[in-house]
């Protein structure tokens, strides 16, 4: 199972393997205070794409399409995380305020597609 959770939410026992999927370290959190098993910058959106989305240069649909294209170039790392999700829960940690329209949701759907293939 693949879940998404804000880094500011309390960890839960059923989170399983917790992976930070932001390119930048989240504000206000010490590295020693974040309960995560890995920091996977390779699957985070590029700096240019992140800035375009947050600067409202593109809407979420365009961002999602461009991000999936970036993810396709990181297929090996995606397969690694997808394989983990087959053996235990996988929780993608992100700092974005919007819980519905963020890169972690796009990444989770992409990983789920790899998982099912």
PDB file of N, CA and C in Angstrom:
ATOM      1  N   UNK A   1       0.840  -1.176   0.000  1.00  0.00           N
ATOM      2  CA  UNK A   1       0.000   0.000   0.000  1.00  0.00           C
ATOM      3  C   UNK A   1       0.890   1.245   0.000  1.00  0.00           C
ATOM      4  N   UNK A   2       0.513   2.235  -0.796  1.00  0.00           N
ATOM      5  CA  UNK A   2       1.273   3.474  -0.898  1.00  0.00           C
ATOM      6  C   UNK A   2       0.404   4.616  -0.377  1.00  0.00           C
ATOM      7  N   UNK A   3       0.913   5.321   0.623  1.00  0.00           N
ATOM      8  CA  UNK A   3       0.197   6.434   1.235  1.00  0.00           C
ATOM      9  C   UNK A   3       1.016   7.710   1.103  1.00  0.00           C
ATOM     10  N   UNK A   4       0.340   8.840   1.230  1.00  0.00           N
ATOM     11  CA  UNK A   4       1.000  10.148   1.246  1.00  0.00           C
ATOM     12  C   UNK A   4       0.660  10.828   2.566  1.00  0.00           C
ATOM     13  N   UNK A   5       1.657  11.524   3.114  1.00  0.00           N
ATOM     14  CA  UNK A   5       1.451  12.158   4.412  1.00  0.00           C
ATOM     15  C   UNK A   5       2.345  13.383   4.519  1.00  0.00           C
ATOM     16  N   UNK A   6       1.816  14.446   5.117  1.00  0.00           N
ATOM     17  CA  UNK A   6       2.634  15.640   5.336  1.00  0.00           C
ATOM     18  C   UNK A   6       3.700  15.337   6.385  1.00  0.00           C
ATOM     19  N   UNK A   7       4.863  15.920   6.221  1.00  0.00           N
ATOM     20  CA  UNK A   7       5.956  15.697   7.178  1.00  0.00           C
ATOM     21  C   UNK A   7       5.595  16.234   8.556  1.00  0.00           C
ATOM     22  N   UNK A   8       4.646  17.149   8.618  1.00  0.00           N
ATOM     23  CA  UNK A   8       4.262  17.776   9.880  1.00  0.00           C
ATOM     24  C   UNK A   8       3.237  16.939  10.645  1.00  0.00           C
ATOM     25  N   UNK A   9       2.710  15.885  10.014  1.00  0.00           N
ATOM     26  CA  UNK A   9       1.778  14.985  10.690  1.00  0.00           C
ATOM     27  C   UNK A   9       2.573  13.964  11.510  1.00  0.00           C
ATOM     28  N   UNK A  10       1.988  13.545  12.605  1.00  0.00           N
ATOM     29  CA  UNK A  10       2.660  12.584  13.486  1.00  0.00           C
ATOM     30  C   UNK A  10       2.815  11.233  12.781  1.00  0.00           C
ATOM     31  N   UNK A  11       3.945  10.579  12.984  1.00  0.00           N
ATOM     32  CA  UNK A  11       4.123   9.239  12.406  1.00  0.00           C
ATOM     33  C   UNK A  11       3.135   8.260  13.037  1.00  0.00           C
ATOM     34  N   UNK A  12       2.748   7.260  12.269  1.00  0.00           N
ATOM     35  CA  UNK A  12       1.854   6.216  12.765  1.00  0.00           C
ATOM     36  C   UNK A  12       2.550   4.867  12.602  1.00  0.00           C
ATOM     37  N   UNK A  13       2.145   3.931  13.408  1.00  0.00           N
ATOM     38  CA  UNK A  13       2.768   2.617  13.376  1.00  0.00           C
ATOM     39  C   UNK A  13       2.578   1.926  12.024  1.00  0.00           C
ATOM     40  N   UNK A  14       1.445   2.190  11.366  1.00  0.00           N
ATOM     41  CA  UNK A  14       1.173   1.532  10.083  1.00  0.00           C
ATOM     42  C   UNK A  14       1.730   2.293   8.875  1.00  0.00           C
ATOM     43  N   UNK A  15       2.569   3.315   9.104  1.00  0.00           N
ATOM     44  CA  UNK A  15       3.198   4.043   7.997  1.00  0.00           C
ATOM     45  C   UNK A  15       4.150   3.156   7.203  1.00  0.00           C
ATOM     46  N   UNK A  16       4.746   2.194   7.858  1.00  0.00           N
ATOM     47  CA  UNK A  16       5.708   1.336   7.186  1.00  0.00           C
ATOM     48  C   UNK A  16       6.992   2.085   6.868  1.00  0.00           C
ATOM     49  N   UNK A  17       7.479   1.927   5.642  1.00  0.00           N
ATOM     50  CA  UNK A  17       8.712   2.569   5.195  1.00  0.00           C
ATOM     51  C   UNK A  17       8.375   4.005   4.813  1.00  0.00           C
ATOM     52  N   UNK A  18       8.991   4.974   5.500  1.00  0.00           N
ATOM     53  CA  UNK A  18       8.675   6.399   5.304  1.00  0.00           C
ATOM     54  C   UNK A  18       9.789   7.061   4.491  1.00  0.00           C
ATOM     55  N   UNK A  19       9.388   7.684   3.374  1.00  0.00           N
ATOM     56  CA  UNK A  19      10.351   8.287   2.453  1.00  0.00           C
ATOM     57  C   UNK A  19       9.999   9.754   2.215  1.00  0.00           C
ATOM     58  N   UNK A  20      10.942  10.638   2.492  1.00  0.00           N
ATOM     59  CA  UNK A  20      10.774  12.049   2.166  1.00  0.00           C
ATOM     60  C   UNK A  20      10.981  12.191   0.663  1.00  0.00           C
ATOM     61  N   UNK A  21      10.016  12.783  -0.037  1.00  0.00           N
ATOM     62  CA  UNK A  21      10.085  12.890  -1.496  1.00  0.00           C
ATOM     63  C   UNK A  21      10.155  14.348  -1.968  1.00  0.00           C
ATOM     64  N   UNK A  22      10.602  15.244  -1.110  1.00  0.00           N
ATOM     65  CA  UNK A  22      10.832  16.646  -1.471  1.00  0.00           C
ATOM     66  C   UNK A  22      12.305  16.831  -1.831  1.00  0.00           C
ATOM     67  N   UNK A  23      12.571  17.735  -2.753  1.00  0.00           N
ATOM     68  CA  UNK A  23      13.965  18.035  -3.111  1.00  0.00           C
ATOM     69  C   UNK A  23      14.631  18.871  -2.018  1.00  0.00           C
ATOM     70  N   UNK A  24      13.844  19.734  -1.360  1.00  0.00           N
ATOM     71  CA  UNK A  24      14.360  20.590  -0.293  1.00  0.00           C
ATOM     72  C   UNK A  24      13.924  20.043   1.057  1.00  0.00           C
ATOM     73  N   UNK A  25      14.779  20.220   2.064  1.00  0.00           N
ATOM     74  CA  UNK A  25      14.411  19.780   3.413  1.00  0.00           C
ATOM     75  C   UNK A  25      13.265  20.661   3.902  1.00  0.00           C
ATOM     76  N   UNK A  26      12.251  20.094   4.545  1.00  0.00           N
ATOM     77  CA  UNK A  26      11.093  20.863   5.003  1.00  0.00           C
ATOM     78  C   UNK A  26      11.445  21.887   6.083  1.00  0.00           C
ATOM     79  N   UNK A  27      10.837  23.035   5.957  1.00  0.00           N
ATOM     80  CA  UNK A  27      11.086  24.132   6.909  1.00  0.00           C
ATOM     81  C   UNK A  27      10.621  23.762   8.305  1.00  0.00           C
ATOM     82  N   UNK A  28      11.395  24.189   9.273  1.00  0.00           N
ATOM     83  CA  UNK A  28      11.002  24.052  10.670  1.00  0.00           C
ATOM     84  C   UNK A  28      11.196  22.671  11.268  1.00  0.00           C
ATOM     85  N   UNK A  29      11.806  21.763  10.541  1.00  0.00           N
ATOM     86  CA  UNK A  29      12.013  20.411  11.061  1.00  0.00           C
ATOM     87  C   UNK A  29      13.503  20.096  11.057  1.00  0.00           C
ATOM     88  N   UNK A  30      13.997  19.699  12.214  1.00  0.00           N
ATOM     89  CA  UNK A  30      15.391  19.264  12.295  1.00  0.00           C
ATOM     90  C   UNK A  30      15.513  17.885  11.676  1.00  0.00           C
ATOM     91  N   UNK A  31      16.634  17.627  11.057  1.00  0.00           N
ATOM     92  CA  UNK A  31      16.847  16.312  10.435  1.00  0.00           C
ATOM     93  C   UNK A  31      16.730  15.199  11.458  1.00  0.00           C
ATOM     94  N   UNK A  32      17.144  15.482  12.663  1.00  0.00           N
ATOM     95  CA  UNK A  32      17.073  14.453  13.703  1.00  0.00           C
ATOM     96  C   UNK A  32      15.648  14.230  14.208  1.00  0.00           C
ATOM     97  N   UNK A  33      14.729  15.158  13.918  1.00  0.00           N
ATOM     98  CA  UNK A  33      13.360  15.044  14.420  1.00  0.00           C
ATOM     99  C   UNK A  33      12.389  14.386  13.440  1.00  0.00           C
ATOM    100  N   UNK A  34      12.762  14.260  12.184  1.00  0.00           N
ATOM    101  CA  UNK A  34      11.851  13.675  11.207  1.00  0.00           C
ATOM    102  C   UNK A  34      12.032  12.160  11.162  1.00  0.00           C
ATOM    103  N   UNK A  35      10.959  11.465  11.449  1.00  0.00           N
ATOM    104  CA  UNK A  35      10.979  10.003  11.395  1.00  0.00           C
ATOM    105  C   UNK A  35      10.814   9.567   9.946  1.00  0.00           C
ATOM    106  N   UNK A  36      11.954   9.311   9.293  1.00  0.00           N
ATOM    107  CA  UNK A  36      11.886   8.810   7.922  1.00  0.00           C
ATOM    108  C   UNK A  36      13.037   7.827   7.705  1.00  0.00           C
ATOM    109  N   UNK A  37      12.798   6.909   6.796  1.00  0.00           N
ATOM    110  CA  UNK A  37      13.789   5.876   6.512  1.00  0.00           C
ATOM    111  C   UNK A  37      14.723   6.266   5.378  1.00  0.00           C
ATOM    112  N   UNK A  38      14.268   7.184   4.527  1.00  0.00           N
ATOM    113  CA  UNK A  38      15.083   7.595   3.385  1.00  0.00           C
ATOM    114  C   UNK A  38      14.621   8.957   2.893  1.00  0.00           C
ATOM    115  N   UNK A  39      15.528   9.620   2.194  1.00  0.00           N
ATOM    116  CA  UNK A  39      15.223  10.890   1.538  1.00  0.00           C
ATOM    117  C   UNK A  39      15.515  10.661   0.066  1.00  0.00           C
ATOM    118  N   UNK A  40      14.477  10.640  -0.742  1.00  0.00           N
ATOM    119  CA  UNK A  40      14.613  10.285  -2.151  1.00  0.00           C
ATOM    120  C   UNK A  40      14.452  11.530  -3.025  1.00  0.00           C
ATOM    121  N   UNK A  41      15.526  12.281  -3.168  1.00  0.00           N
ATOM    122  CA  UNK A  41      15.505  13.491  -3.991  1.00  0.00           C
ATOM    123  C   UNK A  41      15.329  13.170  -5.468  1.00  0.00           C
ATOM    124  N   UNK A  42      15.768  11.987  -5.884  1.00  0.00           N
ATOM    125  CA  UNK A  42      15.720  11.620  -7.305  1.00  0.00           C
ATOM    126  C   UNK A  42      14.298  11.596  -7.843  1.00  0.00           C
ATOM    127  N   UNK A  43      13.319  11.317  -6.993  1.00  0.00           N
ATOM    128  CA  UNK A  43      11.934  11.256  -7.447  1.00  0.00           C
ATOM    129  C   UNK A  43      11.156  12.537  -7.172  1.00  0.00           C
ATOM    130  N   UNK A  44      11.830  13.548  -6.687  1.00  0.00           N
ATOM    131  CA  UNK A  44      11.182  14.850  -6.476  1.00  0.00           C
ATOM    132  C   UNK A  44      11.144  15.615  -7.801  1.00  0.00           C
ATOM    133  N   UNK A  45      10.181  16.524  -7.960  1.00  0.00           N
ATOM    134  CA  UNK A  45      10.154  17.332  -9.188  1.00  0.00           C
ATOM    135  C   UNK A  45      11.428  18.168  -9.302  1.00  0.00           C
ATOM    136  N   UNK A  46      11.838  18.435 -10.527  1.00  0.00           N
ATOM    137  CA  UNK A  46      13.006  19.284 -10.742  1.00  0.00           C
ATOM    138  C   UNK A  46      12.752  20.663 -10.157  1.00  0.00           C
ATOM    139  N   UNK A  47      13.820  21.388  -9.891  1.00  0.00           N
ATOM    140  CA  UNK A  47      13.688  22.743  -9.349  1.00  0.00           C
ATOM    141  C   UNK A  47      12.876  23.623 -10.289  1.00  0.00           C
ATOM    142  N   UNK A  48      13.151  23.543 -11.582  1.00  0.00           N
ATOM    143  CA  UNK A  48      12.431  24.372 -12.558  1.00  0.00           C
ATOM    144  C   UNK A  48      10.937  24.051 -12.558  1.00  0.00           C
ATOM    145  N   UNK A  49      10.591  22.777 -12.511  1.00  0.00           N
ATOM    146  CA  UNK A  49       9.182  22.377 -12.512  1.00  0.00           C
ATOM    147  C   UNK A  49       8.496  22.804 -11.220  1.00  0.00           C
ATOM    148  N   UNK A  50       9.172  22.610 -10.105  1.00  0.00           N
ATOM    149  CA  UNK A  50       8.607  23.014  -8.804  1.00  0.00           C
ATOM    150  C   UNK A  50       8.331  24.510  -8.778  1.00  0.00           C
ATOM    151  N   UNK A  51       9.300  25.308  -9.261  1.00  0.00           N
ATOM    152  CA  UNK A  51       9.130  26.768  -9.259  1.00  0.00           C
ATOM    153  C   UNK A  51       8.017  27.202 -10.205  1.00  0.00           C
ATOM    154  N   UNK A  52       7.890  26.543 -11.343  1.00  0.00           N
ATOM    155  CA  UNK A  52       6.826  26.887 -12.296  1.00  0.00           C
ATOM    156  C   UNK A  52       5.452  26.608 -11.692  1.00  0.00           C
ATOM    157  N   UNK A  53       5.318  25.496 -10.994  1.00  0.00           N
ATOM    158  CA  UNK A  53       4.033  25.157 -10.380  1.00  0.00           C
ATOM    159  C   UNK A  53       3.704  26.097  -9.227  1.00  0.00           C
ATOM    160  N   UNK A  54       4.649  26.314  -8.336  1.00  0.00           N
ATOM    161  CA  UNK A  54       4.387  27.168  -7.183  1.00  0.00           C
ATOM    162  C   UNK A  54       4.284  28.641  -7.575  1.00  0.00           C
ATOM    163  N   UNK A  55       4.883  29.012  -8.687  1.00  0.00           N
ATOM    164  CA  UNK A  55       4.764  30.375  -9.190  1.00  0.00           C
ATOM    165  C   UNK A  55       3.528  30.572 -10.049  1.00  0.00           C
ATOM    166  N   UNK A  56       2.678  29.531 -10.102  1.00  0.00           N
ATOM    167  CA  UNK A  56       1.423  29.544 -10.844  1.00  0.00           C
ATOM    168  C   UNK A  56       1.612  29.808 -12.336  1.00  0.00           C
ATOM    169  N   UNK A  57       2.766  29.380 -12.866  1.00  0.00           N
ATOM    170  CA  UNK A  57       3.017  29.457 -14.299  1.00  0.00           C
ATOM    171  C   UNK A  57       2.245  28.341 -15.000  1.00  0.00           C
ATOM    172  N   UNK A  58       2.001  27.245 -14.284  1.00  0.00           N
ATOM    173  CA  UNK A  58       1.245  26.118 -14.846  1.00  0.00           C
ATOM    174  C   UNK A  58       0.231  25.621 -13.831  1.00  0.00           C
ATOM    175  N   UNK A  59      -0.843  25.038 -14.341  1.00  0.00           N
ATOM    176  CA  UNK A  59      -1.848  24.478 -13.440  1.00  0.00           C
ATOM    177  C   UNK A  59      -1.440  23.064 -13.038  1.00  0.00           C
ATOM    178  N   UNK A  60      -2.237  22.456 -12.171  1.00  0.00           N
ATOM    179  CA  UNK A  60      -1.864  21.148 -11.639  1.00  0.00           C
ATOM    180  C   UNK A  60      -1.842  20.071 -12.719  1.00  0.00           C
ATOM    181  N   UNK A  61      -2.749  20.142 -13.676  1.00  0.00           N
ATOM    182  CA  UNK A  61      -2.783  19.146 -14.748  1.00  0.00           C
ATOM    183  C   UNK A  61      -1.499  19.198 -15.579  1.00  0.00           C
ATOM    184  N   UNK A  62      -1.065  20.395 -15.953  1.00  0.00           N
ATOM    185  CA  UNK A  62       0.172  20.541 -16.732  1.00  0.00           C
ATOM    186  C   UNK A  62       1.380  20.116 -15.896  1.00  0.00           C
ATOM    187  N   UNK A  63       1.374  20.496 -14.624  1.00  0.00           N
ATOM    188  CA  UNK A  63       2.455  20.076 -13.719  1.00  0.00           C
ATOM    189  C   UNK A  63       2.518  18.553 -13.650  1.00  0.00           C
ATOM    190  N   UNK A  64       1.367  17.916 -13.465  1.00  0.00           N
ATOM    191  CA  UNK A  64       1.316  16.457 -13.339  1.00  0.00           C
ATOM    192  C   UNK A  64       1.876  15.771 -14.574  1.00  0.00           C
ATOM    193  N   UNK A  65       1.506  16.259 -15.758  1.00  0.00           N
ATOM    194  CA  UNK A  65       2.013  15.674 -17.002  1.00  0.00           C
ATOM    195  C   UNK A  65       3.529  15.821 -17.105  1.00  0.00           C
ATOM    196  N   UNK A  66       4.021  17.025 -16.820  1.00  0.00           N
ATOM    197  CA  UNK A  66       5.465  17.275 -16.905  1.00  0.00           C
ATOM    198  C   UNK A  66       6.213  16.456 -15.850  1.00  0.00           C
ATOM    199  N   UNK A  67       5.640  16.337 -14.671  1.00  0.00           N
ATOM    200  CA  UNK A  67       6.285  15.580 -13.598  1.00  0.00           C
ATOM    201  C   UNK A  67       6.347  14.088 -13.943  1.00  0.00           C
ATOM    202  N   UNK A  68       5.268  13.539 -14.505  1.00  0.00           N
ATOM    203  CA  UNK A  68       5.287  12.127 -14.904  1.00  0.00           C
ATOM    204  C   UNK A  68       6.370  11.872 -15.959  1.00  0.00           C
ATOM    205  N   UNK A  69       6.587  12.841 -16.840  1.00  0.00           N
ATOM    206  CA  UNK A  69       7.665  12.717 -17.823  1.00  0.00           C
ATOM    207  C   UNK A  69       9.013  12.656 -17.122  1.00  0.00           C
ATOM    208  N   UNK A  70       9.203  13.513 -16.108  1.00  0.00           N
ATOM    209  CA  UNK A  70      10.445  13.463 -15.330  1.00  0.00           C
ATOM    210  C   UNK A  70      10.581  12.124 -14.605  1.00  0.00           C
ATOM    211  N   UNK A  71       9.482  11.635 -14.065  1.00  0.00           N
ATOM    212  CA  UNK A  71       9.528  10.369 -13.328  1.00  0.00           C
ATOM    213  C   UNK A  71       9.901   9.202 -14.233  1.00  0.00           C
ATOM    214  N   UNK A  72       9.438   9.232 -15.467  1.00  0.00           N
ATOM    215  CA  UNK A  72       9.761   8.144 -16.395  1.00  0.00           C
ATOM    216  C   UNK A  72      11.271   7.994 -16.590  1.00  0.00           C
ATOM    217  N   UNK A  73      12.002   9.092 -16.433  1.00  0.00           N
ATOM    218  CA  UNK A  73      13.464   9.047 -16.547  1.00  0.00           C
ATOM    219  C   UNK A  73      14.112   8.451 -15.289  1.00  0.00           C
ATOM    220  N   UNK A  74      13.332   8.289 -14.227  1.00  0.00           N
ATOM    221  CA  UNK A  74      13.823   7.738 -12.958  1.00  0.00           C
ATOM    222  C   UNK A  74      13.170   6.382 -12.657  1.00  0.00           C
ATOM    223  N   UNK A  75      12.861   5.657 -13.704  1.00  0.00           N
ATOM    224  CA  UNK A  75      12.117   4.400 -13.571  1.00  0.00           C
ATOM    225  C   UNK A  75      12.784   3.402 -12.617  1.00  0.00           C
ATOM    226  N   UNK A  76      14.099   3.286 -12.662  1.00  0.00           N
ATOM    227  CA  UNK A  76      14.795   2.320 -11.795  1.00  0.00           C
ATOM    228  C   UNK A  76      14.557   2.618 -10.316  1.00  0.00           C
ATOM    229  N   UNK A  77      14.646   3.894  -9.943  1.00  0.00           N
ATOM    230  CA  UNK A  77      14.386   4.265  -8.545  1.00  0.00           C
ATOM    231  C   UNK A  77      12.928   4.015  -8.199  1.00  0.00           C
ATOM    232  N   UNK A  78      12.045   4.284  -9.136  1.00  0.00           N
ATOM    233  CA  UNK A  78      10.628   4.004  -8.925  1.00  0.00           C
ATOM    234  C   UNK A  78      10.364   2.522  -8.716  1.00  0.00           C
ATOM    235  N   UNK A  79      11.026   1.693  -9.493  1.00  0.00           N
ATOM    236  CA  UNK A  79      10.866   0.245  -9.339  1.00  0.00           C
ATOM    237  C   UNK A  79      11.360  -0.223  -7.975  1.00  0.00           C
ATOM    238  N   UNK A  80      12.423   0.407  -7.486  1.00  0.00           N
ATOM    239  CA  UNK A  80      12.944   0.054  -6.158  1.00  0.00           C
ATOM    240  C   UNK A  80      11.896   0.335  -5.079  1.00  0.00           C
ATOM    241  N   UNK A  81      11.300   1.535  -5.113  1.00  0.00           N
ATOM    242  CA  UNK A  81      10.281   1.871  -4.111  1.00  0.00           C
ATOM    243  C   UNK A  81       9.018   1.038  -4.302  1.00  0.00           C
ATOM    244  N   UNK A  82       8.665   0.801  -5.537  1.00  0.00           N
ATOM    245  CA  UNK A  82       7.491  -0.017  -5.823  1.00  0.00           C
ATOM    246  C   UNK A  82       7.662  -1.430  -5.265  1.00  0.00           C
ATOM    247  N   UNK A  83       8.871  -1.961  -5.377  1.00  0.00           N
ATOM    248  CA  UNK A  83       9.153  -3.288  -4.825  1.00  0.00           C
ATOM    249  C   UNK A  83       9.005  -3.290  -3.305  1.00  0.00           C
ATOM    250  N   UNK A  84       9.422  -2.200  -2.661  1.00  0.00           N
ATOM    251  CA  UNK A  84       9.244  -2.096  -1.201  1.00  0.00           C
ATOM    252  C   UNK A  84       7.768  -2.121  -0.845  1.00  0.00           C
ATOM    253  N   UNK A  85       6.951  -1.453  -1.655  1.00  0.00           N
ATOM    254  CA  UNK A  85       5.516  -1.377  -1.383  1.00  0.00           C
ATOM    255  C   UNK A  85       4.837  -2.738  -1.510  1.00  0.00           C
ATOM    256  N   UNK A  86       5.491  -3.668  -2.184  1.00  0.00           N
ATOM    257  CA  UNK A  86       4.921  -5.013  -2.306  1.00  0.00           C
ATOM    258  C   UNK A  86       5.089  -5.819  -1.025  1.00  0.00           C
ATOM    259  N   UNK A  87       6.038  -5.416  -0.176  1.00  0.00           N
ATOM    260  CA  UNK A  87       6.309  -6.175   1.037  1.00  0.00           C
ATOM    261  C   UNK A  87       5.841  -5.482   2.316  1.00  0.00           C
ATOM    262  N   UNK A  88       5.622  -4.170   2.236  1.00  0.00           N
ATOM    263  CA  UNK A  88       5.151  -3.413   3.415  1.00  0.00           C
ATOM    264  C   UNK A  88       4.557  -2.090   2.962  1.00  0.00           C
ATOM    265  N   UNK A  89       3.916  -1.412   3.892  1.00  0.00           N
ATOM    266  CA  UNK A  89       3.360  -0.096   3.574  1.00  0.00           C
ATOM    267  C   UNK A  89       4.480   0.866   3.222  1.00  0.00           C
ATOM    268  N   UNK A  90       4.192   1.770   2.307  1.00  0.00           N
ATOM    269  CA  UNK A  90       5.127   2.802   1.894  1.00  0.00           C
ATOM    270  C   UNK A  90       4.435   4.144   2.074  1.00  0.00           C
ATOM    271  N   UNK A  91       5.044   5.036   2.839  1.00  0.00           N
ATOM    272  CA  UNK A  91       4.481   6.359   3.063  1.00  0.00           C
ATOM    273  C   UNK A  91       5.400   7.409   2.470  1.00  0.00           C
ATOM    274  N   UNK A  92       4.848   8.188   1.536  1.00  0.00           N
ATOM    275  CA  UNK A  92       5.584   9.274   0.898  1.00  0.00           C
ATOM    276  C   UNK A  92       5.362  10.542   1.704  1.00  0.00           C
ATOM    277  N   UNK A  93       6.430  11.130   2.195  1.00  0.00           N
ATOM    278  CA  UNK A  93       6.350  12.329   3.022  1.00  0.00           C
ATOM    279  C   UNK A  93       6.622  13.569   2.175  1.00  0.00           C
ATOM    280  N   UNK A  94       5.808  14.593   2.362  1.00  0.00           N
ATOM    281  CA  UNK A  94       5.942  15.843   1.610  1.00  0.00           C
ATOM    282  C   UNK A  94       5.606  17.012   2.527  1.00  0.00           C
ATOM    283  N   UNK A  95       6.030  18.211   2.146  1.00  0.00           N
ATOM    284  CA  UNK A  95       5.798  19.384   2.985  1.00  0.00           C
ATOM    285  C   UNK A  95       4.685  20.294   2.460  1.00  0.00           C
ATOM    286  N   UNK A  96       4.217  20.098   1.247  1.00  0.00           N
ATOM    287  CA  UNK A  96       3.216  20.980   0.644  1.00  0.00           C
ATOM    288  C   UNK A  96       1.979  21.101   1.530  1.00  0.00           C
ATOM    289  N   UNK A  97       1.371  22.276   1.528  1.00  0.00           N
ATOM    290  CA  UNK A  97       0.170  22.509   2.330  1.00  0.00           C
ATOM    291  C   UNK A  97      -1.057  21.834   1.731  1.00  0.00           C
ATOM    292  N   UNK A  98      -1.144  21.825   0.408  1.00  0.00           N
ATOM    293  CA  UNK A  98      -2.295  21.247  -0.284  1.00  0.00           C
ATOM    294  C   UNK A  98      -2.182  19.722  -0.260  1.00  0.00           C
ATOM    295  N   UNK A  99      -3.128  19.083   0.406  1.00  0.00           N
ATOM    296  CA  UNK A  99      -3.082  17.632   0.551  1.00  0.00           C
ATOM    297  C   UNK A  99      -3.594  16.885  -0.686  1.00  0.00           C
ATOM    298  N   UNK A 100      -4.288  17.581  -1.585  1.00  0.00           N
ATOM    299  CA  UNK A 100      -4.867  16.937  -2.754  1.00  0.00           C
ATOM    300  C   UNK A 100      -4.045  17.131  -4.017  1.00  0.00           C
ATOM    301  N   UNK A 101      -3.541  18.343  -4.223  1.00  0.00           N
ATOM    302  CA  UNK A 101      -2.809  18.654  -5.446  1.00  0.00           C
ATOM    303  C   UNK A 101      -1.353  18.943  -5.111  1.00  0.00           C
ATOM    304  N   UNK A 102      -0.579  17.874  -5.037  1.00  0.00           N
ATOM    305  CA  UNK A 102       0.851  17.996  -4.758  1.00  0.00           C
ATOM    306  C   UNK A 102       1.594  16.874  -5.468  1.00  0.00           C
ATOM    307  N   UNK A 103       2.887  17.009  -5.526  1.00  0.00           N
ATOM    308  CA  UNK A 103       3.686  16.038  -6.271  1.00  0.00           C
ATOM    309  C   UNK A 103       3.648  14.633  -5.662  1.00  0.00           C
ATOM    310  N   UNK A 104       3.469  14.535  -4.367  1.00  0.00           N
ATOM    311  CA  UNK A 104       3.439  13.213  -3.734  1.00  0.00           C
ATOM    312  C   UNK A 104       2.252  12.393  -4.238  1.00  0.00           C
ATOM    313  N   UNK A 105       1.130  13.040  -4.496  1.00  0.00           N
ATOM    314  CA  UNK A 105      -0.041  12.338  -5.022  1.00  0.00           C
ATOM    315  C   UNK A 105       0.242  11.802  -6.427  1.00  0.00           C
ATOM    316  N   UNK A 106       0.908  12.624  -7.248  1.00  0.00           N
ATOM    317  CA  UNK A 106       1.277  12.205  -8.604  1.00  0.00           C
ATOM    318  C   UNK A 106       2.274  11.046  -8.529  1.00  0.00           C
ATOM    319  N   UNK A 107       3.248  11.187  -7.656  1.00  0.00           N
ATOM    320  CA  UNK A 107       4.262  10.141  -7.476  1.00  0.00           C
ATOM    321  C   UNK A 107       3.619   8.842  -6.993  1.00  0.00           C
ATOM    322  N   UNK A 108       2.697   8.926  -6.051  1.00  0.00           N
ATOM    323  CA  UNK A 108       2.029   7.726  -5.536  1.00  0.00           C
ATOM    324  C   UNK A 108       1.283   7.000  -6.654  1.00  0.00           C
ATOM    325  N   UNK A 109       0.582   7.734  -7.500  1.00  0.00           N
ATOM    326  CA  UNK A 109      -0.146   7.124  -8.612  1.00  0.00           C
ATOM    327  C   UNK A 109       0.831   6.480  -9.600  1.00  0.00           C
ATOM    328  N   UNK A 110       1.956   7.149  -9.858  1.00  0.00           N
ATOM    329  CA  UNK A 110       2.970   6.621 -10.769  1.00  0.00           C
ATOM    330  C   UNK A 110       3.580   5.343 -10.205  1.00  0.00           C
ATOM    331  N   UNK A 111       3.904   5.352  -8.911  1.00  0.00           N
ATOM    332  CA  UNK A 111       4.454   4.161  -8.265  1.00  0.00           C
ATOM    333  C   UNK A 111       3.431   3.027  -8.247  1.00  0.00           C
ATOM    334  N   UNK A 112       2.169   3.352  -8.031  1.00  0.00           N
ATOM    335  CA  UNK A 112       1.129   2.334  -8.027  1.00  0.00           C
ATOM    336  C   UNK A 112       1.014   1.679  -9.396  1.00  0.00           C
ATOM    337  N   UNK A 113       1.162   2.474 -10.452  1.00  0.00           N
ATOM    338  CA  UNK A 113       1.140   1.918 -11.804  1.00  0.00           C
ATOM    339  C   UNK A 113       2.315   0.969 -12.018  1.00  0.00           C
ATOM    340  N   UNK A 114       3.486   1.332 -11.496  1.00  0.00           N
ATOM    341  CA  UNK A 114       4.648   0.433 -11.587  1.00  0.00           C
ATOM    342  C   UNK A 114       4.388  -0.851 -10.782  1.00  0.00           C
ATOM    343  N   UNK A 115       3.788  -0.679  -9.624  1.00  0.00           N
ATOM    344  CA  UNK A 115       3.476  -1.780  -8.723  1.00  0.00           C
ATOM    345  C   UNK A 115       2.563  -2.789  -9.411  1.00  0.00           C
ATOM    346  N   UNK A 116       1.588  -2.278 -10.166  1.00  0.00           N
ATOM    347  CA  UNK A 116       0.594  -3.133 -10.824  1.00  0.00           C
ATOM    348  C   UNK A 116       1.080  -3.717 -12.145  1.00  0.00           C
ATOM    349  N   UNK A 117       2.209  -3.217 -12.655  1.00  0.00           N
ATOM    350  CA  UNK A 117       2.675  -3.724 -13.953  1.00  0.00           C
ATOM    351  C   UNK A 117       3.545  -4.959 -13.832  1.00  0.00           C
TER     352      UNK A 117
END
